[in-house]
Amino acid sequence: KVNIHMKNEVYIEKLISSLKNRLDKNSALYRNTYFGNVVLSKVKFYPACTDEELKKYSSIPLPVDYLQFLKISNGAELFTDDYKGSRALLELYSLDKIFEGKNFYVNNLKIEDTYPIGHLLDNADLVVNIQDLKNGGQYLSLSDGSKKFNYTFQEWLDKFIIAQGNEFWLLDQPFR
């Protein structure tokens, strides 16, 4: 039986657990890439945030599902392999790194209403727009402006995992 999730239901714990279940003893799994290639990729999760850490950064409005993710893993590195130079295809930021990123966006880029929650290798930061988040809109996008997502964080991450680290939003386009 397939579980159909309600739009507002937080299922991030199940999502992370199902990914962890696919990992071998070295925290790795085989994944498909473009043109039929198969590579061995590592996945790294970190210890959960403490309540003290969450209180320390409570001034940053976080999506409910990202907050739930931080309670499971304070950041993550998804799909690290030799195929992409031994760097994670997706780094999801810890609370400390989100805070640093928000300060960088405000002080260096002069962007007050957006902060990064992760980075996609060879692409851009994955960012949250604070006003869109507060208004219940499409708050998640790429920092280079190339894509605004109509998904919550957990829906975006779910699609990224299903696509095995490939840029699912580009899969309907010809390969480059």
N, C-alpha and C. Protein backbone atom coordinates (compact mmCIF):
# COMPACT_ATOMS: atom_id res chain seq x y z
N LYS A 1 0.85 -1.19 0.00
CA LYS A 1 0.00 0.00 0.00
C LYS A 1 0.89 1.24 0.00
N VAL A 2 0.56 2.18 -0.84
CA VAL A 2 1.32 3.42 -0.95
C VAL A 2 0.70 4.47 -0.04
N ASN A 3 1.55 5.13 0.76
CA ASN A 3 1.07 6.23 1.60
C ASN A 3 1.06 7.51 0.79
N ILE A 4 -0.06 8.15 0.74
CA ILE A 4 -0.17 9.46 0.10
C ILE A 4 -0.11 10.50 1.23
N HIS A 5 0.84 11.43 1.12
CA HIS A 5 1.03 12.41 2.19
C HIS A 5 0.27 13.69 1.90
N MET A 6 -0.30 14.21 2.93
CA MET A 6 -0.96 15.51 2.85
C MET A 6 0.11 16.57 2.65
N LYS A 7 -0.24 17.66 2.00
CA LYS A 7 0.69 18.74 1.70
C LYS A 7 1.42 19.24 2.95
N ASN A 8 0.73 19.33 4.08
CA ASN A 8 1.32 19.90 5.28
C ASN A 8 1.92 18.86 6.22
N GLU A 9 1.82 17.58 5.87
CA GLU A 9 2.35 16.54 6.75
C GLU A 9 3.87 16.51 6.66
N VAL A 10 4.52 16.48 7.81
CA VAL A 10 5.98 16.41 7.85
C VAL A 10 6.38 14.94 7.89
N TYR A 11 7.07 14.49 6.85
CA TYR A 11 7.51 13.09 6.76
C TYR A 11 9.03 13.00 6.59
N ILE A 12 9.74 14.04 6.96
CA ILE A 12 11.18 14.11 6.75
C ILE A 12 11.91 12.99 7.50
N GLU A 13 11.42 12.61 8.68
CA GLU A 13 12.08 11.54 9.44
C GLU A 13 12.02 10.22 8.66
N LYS A 14 10.87 9.93 8.07
CA LYS A 14 10.73 8.72 7.26
C LYS A 14 11.62 8.78 6.02
N LEU A 15 11.71 9.94 5.42
CA LEU A 15 12.53 10.14 4.23
C LEU A 15 14.01 9.87 4.54
N ILE A 16 14.51 10.44 5.64
CA ILE A 16 15.91 10.24 6.03
C ILE A 16 16.15 8.78 6.42
N SER A 17 15.22 8.21 7.15
CA SER A 17 15.34 6.81 7.57
C SER A 17 15.40 5.87 6.37
N SER A 18 14.56 6.11 5.37
CA SER A 18 14.56 5.24 4.19
C SER A 18 15.86 5.36 3.40
N LEU A 19 16.44 6.56 3.35
CA LEU A 19 17.74 6.73 2.69
C LEU A 19 18.83 6.00 3.48
N LYS A 20 18.83 6.16 4.79
CA LYS A 20 19.82 5.48 5.63
C LYS A 20 19.73 3.96 5.47
N ASN A 21 18.53 3.43 5.32
CA ASN A 21 18.34 1.99 5.15
C ASN A 21 18.96 1.45 3.87
N ARG A 22 19.15 2.29 2.88
CA ARG A 22 19.75 1.87 1.61
C ARG A 22 21.28 1.90 1.63
N LEU A 23 21.87 2.48 2.68
CA LEU A 23 23.32 2.62 2.75
C LEU A 23 23.98 1.33 3.22
N ASP A 24 25.18 1.08 2.71
CA ASP A 24 25.96 -0.07 3.18
C ASP A 24 26.70 0.31 4.45
N LYS A 25 27.58 -0.59 4.94
CA LYS A 25 28.29 -0.34 6.21
C LYS A 25 29.25 0.84 6.13
N ASN A 26 29.58 1.29 4.93
CA ASN A 26 30.45 2.46 4.74
C ASN A 26 29.66 3.73 4.42
N SER A 27 28.35 3.69 4.67
CA SER A 27 27.45 4.82 4.39
C SER A 27 27.44 5.18 2.91
N ALA A 28 27.49 4.17 2.06
CA ALA A 28 27.51 4.39 0.61
C ALA A 28 26.40 3.60 -0.07
N LEU A 29 26.07 4.01 -1.29
CA LEU A 29 25.12 3.30 -2.13
C LEU A 29 25.46 3.55 -3.58
N TYR A 30 25.03 2.65 -4.44
CA TYR A 30 25.20 2.86 -5.87
C TYR A 30 24.03 3.70 -6.36
N ARG A 31 24.34 4.65 -7.26
CA ARG A 31 23.29 5.50 -7.84
C ARG A 31 23.54 5.65 -9.32
N ASN A 32 22.46 5.85 -10.05
CA ASN A 32 22.55 6.09 -11.48
C ASN A 32 22.82 7.56 -11.74
N THR A 33 23.65 7.81 -12.75
CA THR A 33 23.89 9.18 -13.20
C THR A 33 23.53 9.24 -14.69
N TYR A 34 23.83 10.36 -15.32
CA TYR A 34 23.50 10.55 -16.73
C TYR A 34 24.23 9.54 -17.62
N PHE A 35 23.64 9.25 -18.75
CA PHE A 35 24.20 8.41 -19.80
C PHE A 35 24.45 6.97 -19.34
N GLY A 36 23.66 6.48 -18.37
CA GLY A 36 23.75 5.10 -17.94
C GLY A 36 24.89 4.78 -17.00
N ASN A 37 25.60 5.78 -16.54
CA ASN A 37 26.69 5.54 -15.59
C ASN A 37 26.13 5.18 -14.22
N VAL A 38 26.87 4.35 -13.49
CA VAL A 38 26.54 3.99 -12.12
C VAL A 38 27.77 4.27 -11.28
N VAL A 39 27.58 4.99 -10.18
CA VAL A 39 28.71 5.34 -9.30
C VAL A 39 28.36 5.02 -7.85
N LEU A 40 29.39 4.77 -7.08
CA LEU A 40 29.25 4.55 -5.64
C LEU A 40 29.36 5.90 -4.96
N SER A 41 28.34 6.26 -4.20
CA SER A 41 28.30 7.57 -3.54
C SER A 41 28.14 7.39 -2.04
N LYS A 42 28.77 8.28 -1.31
CA LYS A 42 28.63 8.27 0.15
C LYS A 42 27.60 9.30 0.58
N VAL A 43 26.99 9.01 1.71
CA VAL A 43 26.02 9.91 2.32
C VAL A 43 26.43 10.08 3.77
N LYS A 44 26.45 11.33 4.23
CA LYS A 44 26.88 11.60 5.61
C LYS A 44 25.85 12.45 6.33
N PHE A 45 25.40 11.94 7.46
CA PHE A 45 24.51 12.69 8.34
C PHE A 45 25.28 13.05 9.60
N TYR A 46 24.86 14.10 10.26
CA TYR A 46 25.52 14.58 11.47
C TYR A 46 24.60 14.40 12.68
N PRO A 47 25.16 14.52 13.88
CA PRO A 47 24.31 14.43 15.07
C PRO A 47 23.22 15.51 15.04
N ALA A 48 22.11 15.22 15.65
CA ALA A 48 20.97 16.15 15.70
C ALA A 48 21.32 17.42 16.45
N CYS A 49 20.59 18.49 16.15
CA CYS A 49 20.72 19.75 16.89
C CYS A 49 20.22 19.55 18.32
N THR A 50 20.82 20.27 19.20
CA THR A 50 20.34 20.27 20.58
C THR A 50 19.28 21.36 20.73
N ASP A 51 18.50 21.28 21.78
CA ASP A 51 17.51 22.32 22.06
C ASP A 51 18.19 23.67 22.27
N GLU A 52 19.39 23.65 22.87
CA GLU A 52 20.13 24.89 23.10
C GLU A 52 20.51 25.55 21.76
N GLU A 53 20.97 24.73 20.82
CA GLU A 53 21.32 25.26 19.50
C GLU A 53 20.09 25.85 18.81
N LEU A 54 18.98 25.15 18.90
CA LEU A 54 17.75 25.64 18.27
C LEU A 54 17.32 26.98 18.89
N LYS A 55 17.45 27.10 20.20
CA LYS A 55 17.09 28.37 20.87
C LYS A 55 18.05 29.48 20.47
N LYS A 56 19.35 29.15 20.35
CA LYS A 56 20.38 30.14 20.00
C LYS A 56 20.07 30.80 18.65
N TYR A 57 19.53 30.03 17.71
CA TYR A 57 19.27 30.54 16.37
C TYR A 57 17.78 30.73 16.08
N SER A 58 16.99 30.90 17.11
CA SER A 58 15.54 31.01 16.92
C SER A 58 15.12 32.27 16.16
N SER A 59 16.04 33.22 15.97
CA SER A 59 15.71 34.45 15.22
C SER A 59 15.60 34.18 13.71
N ILE A 60 16.11 33.04 13.26
CA ILE A 60 16.03 32.70 11.84
C ILE A 60 14.75 31.89 11.60
N PRO A 61 13.83 32.43 10.81
CA PRO A 61 12.60 31.66 10.53
C PRO A 61 12.91 30.49 9.59
N LEU A 62 12.77 29.28 10.10
CA LEU A 62 13.06 28.08 9.30
C LEU A 62 11.77 27.39 8.89
N PRO A 63 11.77 26.79 7.70
CA PRO A 63 10.62 25.96 7.33
C PRO A 63 10.45 24.84 8.36
N VAL A 64 9.22 24.48 8.68
CA VAL A 64 8.94 23.47 9.69
C VAL A 64 9.66 22.17 9.38
N ASP A 65 9.67 21.76 8.11
CA ASP A 65 10.29 20.49 7.77
C ASP A 65 11.82 20.56 7.83
N TYR A 66 12.42 21.74 7.58
CA TYR A 66 13.87 21.86 7.75
C TYR A 66 14.23 21.83 9.23
N LEU A 67 13.42 22.46 10.04
CA LEU A 67 13.62 22.42 11.48
C LEU A 67 13.56 20.97 11.96
N GLN A 68 12.62 20.21 11.43
CA GLN A 68 12.50 18.79 11.77
C GLN A 68 13.73 18.02 11.30
N PHE A 69 14.24 18.37 10.12
CA PHE A 69 15.47 17.75 9.61
C PHE A 69 16.63 18.00 10.57
N LEU A 70 16.77 19.24 11.05
CA LEU A 70 17.86 19.59 11.96
C LEU A 70 17.77 18.82 13.27
N LYS A 71 16.57 18.45 13.66
CA LYS A 71 16.39 17.65 14.88
C LYS A 71 16.80 16.20 14.65
N ILE A 72 16.96 15.81 13.39
CA ILE A 72 17.43 14.47 13.03
C ILE A 72 18.92 14.50 12.71
N SER A 73 19.34 15.52 11.95
CA SER A 73 20.73 15.65 11.51
C SER A 73 21.03 17.13 11.32
N ASN A 74 22.03 17.63 12.01
CA ASN A 74 22.41 19.04 11.91
C ASN A 74 23.31 19.22 10.70
N GLY A 75 22.69 19.10 9.52
CA GLY A 75 23.41 19.17 8.25
C GLY A 75 23.63 17.78 7.68
N ALA A 76 23.99 17.74 6.41
CA ALA A 76 24.24 16.46 5.74
C ALA A 76 25.02 16.71 4.46
N GLU A 77 25.70 15.65 4.00
CA GLU A 77 26.38 15.67 2.71
C GLU A 77 25.84 14.48 1.92
N LEU A 78 25.15 14.78 0.82
CA LEU A 78 24.50 13.73 0.05
C LEU A 78 25.20 13.50 -1.28
N PHE A 79 25.48 12.25 -1.55
CA PHE A 79 26.02 11.77 -2.82
C PHE A 79 27.42 12.34 -3.12
N THR A 80 28.37 11.95 -2.29
CA THR A 80 29.78 12.29 -2.51
C THR A 80 30.44 11.12 -3.21
N ASP A 81 31.07 11.39 -4.36
CA ASP A 81 31.71 10.31 -5.12
C ASP A 81 32.82 10.86 -5.99
N ASP A 82 33.63 9.97 -6.55
CA ASP A 82 34.72 10.40 -7.42
C ASP A 82 34.21 10.98 -8.73
N TYR A 83 32.97 10.64 -9.11
CA TYR A 83 32.37 11.14 -10.34
C TYR A 83 32.35 12.67 -10.37
N LYS A 84 32.15 13.29 -9.22
CA LYS A 84 32.11 14.75 -9.14
C LYS A 84 33.25 15.30 -8.28
N GLY A 85 34.39 14.63 -8.27
CA GLY A 85 35.57 15.17 -7.60
C GLY A 85 35.56 15.07 -6.10
N SER A 86 34.90 14.08 -5.57
CA SER A 86 34.89 13.81 -4.12
C SER A 86 34.28 14.94 -3.30
N ARG A 87 33.33 15.64 -3.87
CA ARG A 87 32.56 16.65 -3.13
C ARG A 87 31.09 16.28 -3.22
N ALA A 88 30.34 16.59 -2.18
CA ALA A 88 28.92 16.24 -2.13
C ALA A 88 28.16 16.98 -3.22
N LEU A 89 27.24 16.26 -3.87
CA LEU A 89 26.37 16.91 -4.84
C LEU A 89 25.44 17.89 -4.13
N LEU A 90 25.08 17.56 -2.89
CA LEU A 90 24.24 18.45 -2.09
C LEU A 90 24.77 18.48 -0.67
N GLU A 91 25.08 19.68 -0.21
CA GLU A 91 25.38 19.87 1.21
C GLU A 91 24.20 20.61 1.82
N LEU A 92 23.58 19.99 2.81
CA LEU A 92 22.52 20.65 3.57
C LEU A 92 23.18 21.24 4.80
N TYR A 93 22.92 22.52 5.04
CA TYR A 93 23.65 23.25 6.05
C TYR A 93 23.18 22.98 7.48
N SER A 94 24.15 23.02 8.38
CA SER A 94 23.88 22.98 9.82
C SER A 94 23.33 24.35 10.23
N LEU A 95 22.83 24.43 11.45
CA LEU A 95 22.34 25.72 11.96
C LEU A 95 23.44 26.78 11.93
N ASP A 96 24.65 26.40 12.36
CA ASP A 96 25.77 27.36 12.35
C ASP A 96 26.01 27.89 10.93
N LYS A 97 26.01 26.98 9.97
CA LYS A 97 26.31 27.38 8.60
C LYS A 97 25.16 28.22 8.00
N ILE A 98 23.92 27.91 8.37
CA ILE A 98 22.79 28.74 7.94
C ILE A 98 22.96 30.16 8.48
N PHE A 99 23.32 30.26 9.75
CA PHE A 99 23.52 31.57 10.37
C PHE A 99 24.65 32.34 9.67
N GLU A 100 25.77 31.66 9.41
CA GLU A 100 26.89 32.28 8.70
C GLU A 100 26.44 32.72 7.30
N GLY A 101 25.71 31.86 6.62
CA GLY A 101 25.23 32.18 5.27
C GLY A 101 24.29 33.36 5.26
N LYS A 102 23.39 33.40 6.24
CA LYS A 102 22.45 34.53 6.34
C LYS A 102 23.22 35.83 6.54
N ASN A 103 24.21 35.81 7.42
CA ASN A 103 25.03 37.01 7.65
C ASN A 103 25.78 37.41 6.39
N PHE A 104 26.31 36.43 5.65
CA PHE A 104 27.01 36.74 4.40
C PHE A 104 26.05 37.38 3.39
N TYR A 105 24.84 36.82 3.26
CA TYR A 105 23.87 37.38 2.32
C TYR A 105 23.51 38.82 2.70
N VAL A 106 23.34 39.08 4.00
CA VAL A 106 22.97 40.42 4.46
C VAL A 106 24.14 41.39 4.30
N ASN A 107 25.31 41.02 4.80
CA ASN A 107 26.46 41.94 4.86
C ASN A 107 27.21 42.09 3.54
N ASN A 108 27.33 41.02 2.76
CA ASN A 108 28.12 41.08 1.54
C ASN A 108 27.28 41.21 0.27
N LEU A 109 26.15 40.53 0.24
CA LEU A 109 25.31 40.57 -0.96
C LEU A 109 24.18 41.57 -0.85
N LYS A 110 23.99 42.10 0.36
CA LYS A 110 22.92 43.08 0.65
C LYS A 110 21.54 42.50 0.36
N ILE A 111 21.38 41.21 0.65
CA ILE A 111 20.10 40.53 0.49
C ILE A 111 19.57 40.22 1.88
N GLU A 112 18.51 40.90 2.26
CA GLU A 112 17.99 40.80 3.63
C GLU A 112 16.98 39.66 3.82
N ASP A 113 16.24 39.33 2.76
CA ASP A 113 15.08 38.45 2.93
C ASP A 113 15.32 37.00 2.48
N THR A 114 16.56 36.63 2.25
CA THR A 114 16.88 35.30 1.74
C THR A 114 18.12 34.77 2.46
N TYR A 115 18.13 33.46 2.72
CA TYR A 115 19.31 32.84 3.31
C TYR A 115 19.47 31.42 2.76
N PRO A 116 20.72 30.92 2.72
CA PRO A 116 20.96 29.58 2.18
C PRO A 116 20.75 28.50 3.24
N ILE A 117 20.19 27.36 2.77
CA ILE A 117 20.09 26.18 3.64
C ILE A 117 20.94 25.03 3.09
N GLY A 118 21.54 25.25 1.93
CA GLY A 118 22.38 24.22 1.36
C GLY A 118 23.06 24.71 0.10
N HIS A 119 23.91 23.83 -0.45
CA HIS A 119 24.61 24.17 -1.69
C HIS A 119 24.62 22.96 -2.61
N LEU A 120 24.29 23.21 -3.87
CA LEU A 120 24.34 22.19 -4.91
C LEU A 120 25.64 22.34 -5.67
N LEU A 121 26.42 21.28 -5.75
CA LEU A 121 27.70 21.30 -6.46
C LEU A 121 27.48 21.69 -7.91
N ASP A 122 28.36 22.52 -8.44
CA ASP A 122 28.29 22.98 -9.83
C ASP A 122 27.01 23.76 -10.12
N ASN A 123 26.36 24.29 -9.10
CA ASN A 123 25.11 24.98 -9.36
C ASN A 123 25.03 26.25 -8.52
N ALA A 124 24.28 26.21 -7.44
CA ALA A 124 24.01 27.41 -6.66
C ALA A 124 23.61 27.01 -5.25
N ASP A 125 23.41 28.01 -4.41
CA ASP A 125 22.86 27.76 -3.09
C ASP A 125 21.37 27.43 -3.22
N LEU A 126 20.90 26.58 -2.34
CA LEU A 126 19.47 26.34 -2.16
C LEU A 126 19.04 27.32 -1.08
N VAL A 127 18.13 28.23 -1.41
CA VAL A 127 17.81 29.34 -0.51
C VAL A 127 16.33 29.38 -0.13
N VAL A 128 16.09 30.01 1.02
CA VAL A 128 14.75 30.24 1.53
C VAL A 128 14.49 31.74 1.49
N ASN A 129 13.36 32.12 0.92
CA ASN A 129 12.92 33.51 0.94
C ASN A 129 12.01 33.68 2.15
N ILE A 130 12.40 34.54 3.08
CA ILE A 130 11.69 34.69 4.35
C ILE A 130 10.26 35.16 4.15
N GLN A 131 10.04 36.14 3.29
CA GLN A 131 8.68 36.66 3.08
C GLN A 131 7.77 35.60 2.47
N ASP A 132 8.29 34.88 1.48
CA ASP A 132 7.48 33.81 0.87
C ASP A 132 7.17 32.72 1.88
N LEU A 133 8.14 32.40 2.74
CA LEU A 133 7.91 31.40 3.79
C LEU A 133 6.81 31.86 4.73
N LYS A 134 6.88 33.11 5.18
CA LYS A 134 5.87 33.65 6.11
C LYS A 134 4.49 33.72 5.46
N ASN A 135 4.46 33.96 4.15
CA ASN A 135 3.18 34.10 3.43
C ASN A 135 2.66 32.77 2.90
N GLY A 136 3.38 31.68 3.16
CA GLY A 136 2.94 30.38 2.69
C GLY A 136 3.14 30.17 1.21
N GLY A 137 4.07 30.93 0.61
CA GLY A 137 4.30 30.84 -0.84
C GLY A 137 5.45 29.91 -1.19
N GLN A 138 5.90 30.04 -2.42
CA GLN A 138 7.02 29.25 -2.94
C GLN A 138 8.32 29.83 -2.39
N TYR A 139 8.77 29.33 -1.28
CA TYR A 139 9.90 29.94 -0.56
C TYR A 139 11.25 29.39 -0.95
N LEU A 140 11.31 28.28 -1.67
CA LEU A 140 12.56 27.60 -1.96
C LEU A 140 12.98 27.87 -3.40
N SER A 141 14.26 28.25 -3.59
CA SER A 141 14.75 28.52 -4.95
C SER A 141 16.26 28.34 -5.00
N LEU A 142 16.81 28.46 -6.19
CA LEU A 142 18.25 28.47 -6.38
C LEU A 142 18.72 29.92 -6.33
N SER A 143 19.87 30.15 -5.72
CA SER A 143 20.35 31.51 -5.51
C SER A 143 20.70 32.23 -6.81
N ASP A 144 20.97 31.49 -7.87
CA ASP A 144 21.31 32.14 -9.14
C ASP A 144 20.05 32.60 -9.90
N GLY A 145 18.88 32.37 -9.32
CA GLY A 145 17.63 32.82 -9.94
C GLY A 145 17.11 31.91 -11.04
N SER A 146 17.79 30.79 -11.30
CA SER A 146 17.40 29.93 -12.42
C SER A 146 16.16 29.09 -12.14
N LYS A 147 15.81 28.89 -10.87
CA LYS A 147 14.66 28.04 -10.58
C LYS A 147 14.06 28.39 -9.23
N LYS A 148 12.73 28.56 -9.23
CA LYS A 148 11.96 28.71 -8.00
C LYS A 148 11.10 27.45 -7.90
N PHE A 149 11.15 26.79 -6.74
CA PHE A 149 10.47 25.51 -6.59
C PHE A 149 9.11 25.67 -5.93
N ASN A 150 8.16 24.91 -6.44
CA ASN A 150 6.82 24.90 -5.87
C ASN A 150 6.68 23.71 -4.93
N TYR A 151 7.68 23.53 -4.06
CA TYR A 151 7.72 22.40 -3.14
C TYR A 151 8.16 22.88 -1.77
N THR A 152 7.76 22.13 -0.76
CA THR A 152 8.35 22.34 0.55
C THR A 152 9.75 21.76 0.51
N PHE A 153 10.55 22.01 1.56
CA PHE A 153 11.89 21.45 1.61
C PHE A 153 11.86 19.93 1.52
N GLN A 154 10.98 19.29 2.30
CA GLN A 154 10.97 17.83 2.31
C GLN A 154 10.53 17.27 0.95
N GLU A 155 9.62 17.93 0.27
CA GLU A 155 9.23 17.48 -1.08
C GLU A 155 10.39 17.64 -2.04
N TRP A 156 11.12 18.75 -1.93
CA TRP A 156 12.29 18.97 -2.78
C TRP A 156 13.33 17.88 -2.52
N LEU A 157 13.63 17.62 -1.24
CA LEU A 157 14.62 16.61 -0.89
C LEU A 157 14.18 15.22 -1.33
N ASP A 158 12.91 14.92 -1.19
CA ASP A 158 12.36 13.65 -1.63
C ASP A 158 12.62 13.45 -3.13
N LYS A 159 12.34 14.46 -3.92
CA LYS A 159 12.56 14.39 -5.37
C LYS A 159 14.06 14.26 -5.69
N PHE A 160 14.90 14.96 -4.95
CA PHE A 160 16.35 14.90 -5.15
C PHE A 160 16.86 13.48 -4.88
N ILE A 161 16.35 12.87 -3.82
CA ILE A 161 16.76 11.50 -3.48
C ILE A 161 16.23 10.51 -4.52
N ILE A 162 14.98 10.66 -4.93
CA ILE A 162 14.40 9.78 -5.96
C ILE A 162 15.22 9.89 -7.25
N ALA A 163 15.66 11.11 -7.58
CA ALA A 163 16.46 11.34 -8.78
C ALA A 163 17.93 10.96 -8.56
N GLN A 164 18.25 10.41 -7.40
CA GLN A 164 19.57 9.90 -7.06
C GLN A 164 20.66 10.97 -7.19
N GLY A 165 20.34 12.19 -6.76
CA GLY A 165 21.32 13.26 -6.78
C GLY A 165 21.39 14.01 -8.10
N ASN A 166 20.61 13.59 -9.07
CA ASN A 166 20.56 14.31 -10.34
C ASN A 166 19.59 15.47 -10.21
N GLU A 167 19.80 16.50 -10.97
CA GLU A 167 18.97 17.70 -10.90
C GLU A 167 17.61 17.40 -11.52
N PHE A 168 16.67 16.97 -10.68
CA PHE A 168 15.36 16.51 -11.15
C PHE A 168 14.61 17.58 -11.93
N TRP A 169 14.85 18.84 -11.65
CA TRP A 169 14.15 19.93 -12.33
C TRP A 169 14.66 20.10 -13.77
N LEU A 170 15.74 19.43 -14.12
CA LEU A 170 16.27 19.52 -15.49
C LEU A 170 16.05 18.24 -16.29
N LEU A 171 15.45 17.23 -15.68
CA LEU A 171 15.35 15.92 -16.34
C LEU A 171 14.43 15.91 -17.56
N ASP A 172 13.59 16.93 -17.70
CA ASP A 172 12.75 16.98 -18.89
C ASP A 172 13.42 17.71 -20.05
N GLN A 173 14.69 18.10 -19.87
CA GLN A 173 15.46 18.77 -20.92
C GLN A 173 16.49 17.82 -21.51
N PRO A 174 16.95 18.08 -22.75
CA PRO A 174 18.00 17.23 -23.33
C PRO A 174 19.27 17.30 -22.49
N PHE A 175 20.01 16.19 -22.44
CA PHE A 175 21.30 16.18 -21.72
C PHE A 175 22.26 17.14 -22.39
N ARG A 176 23.11 17.76 -21.57
CA ARG A 176 24.06 18.72 -22.11
C ARG A 176 25.28 18.04 -22.63
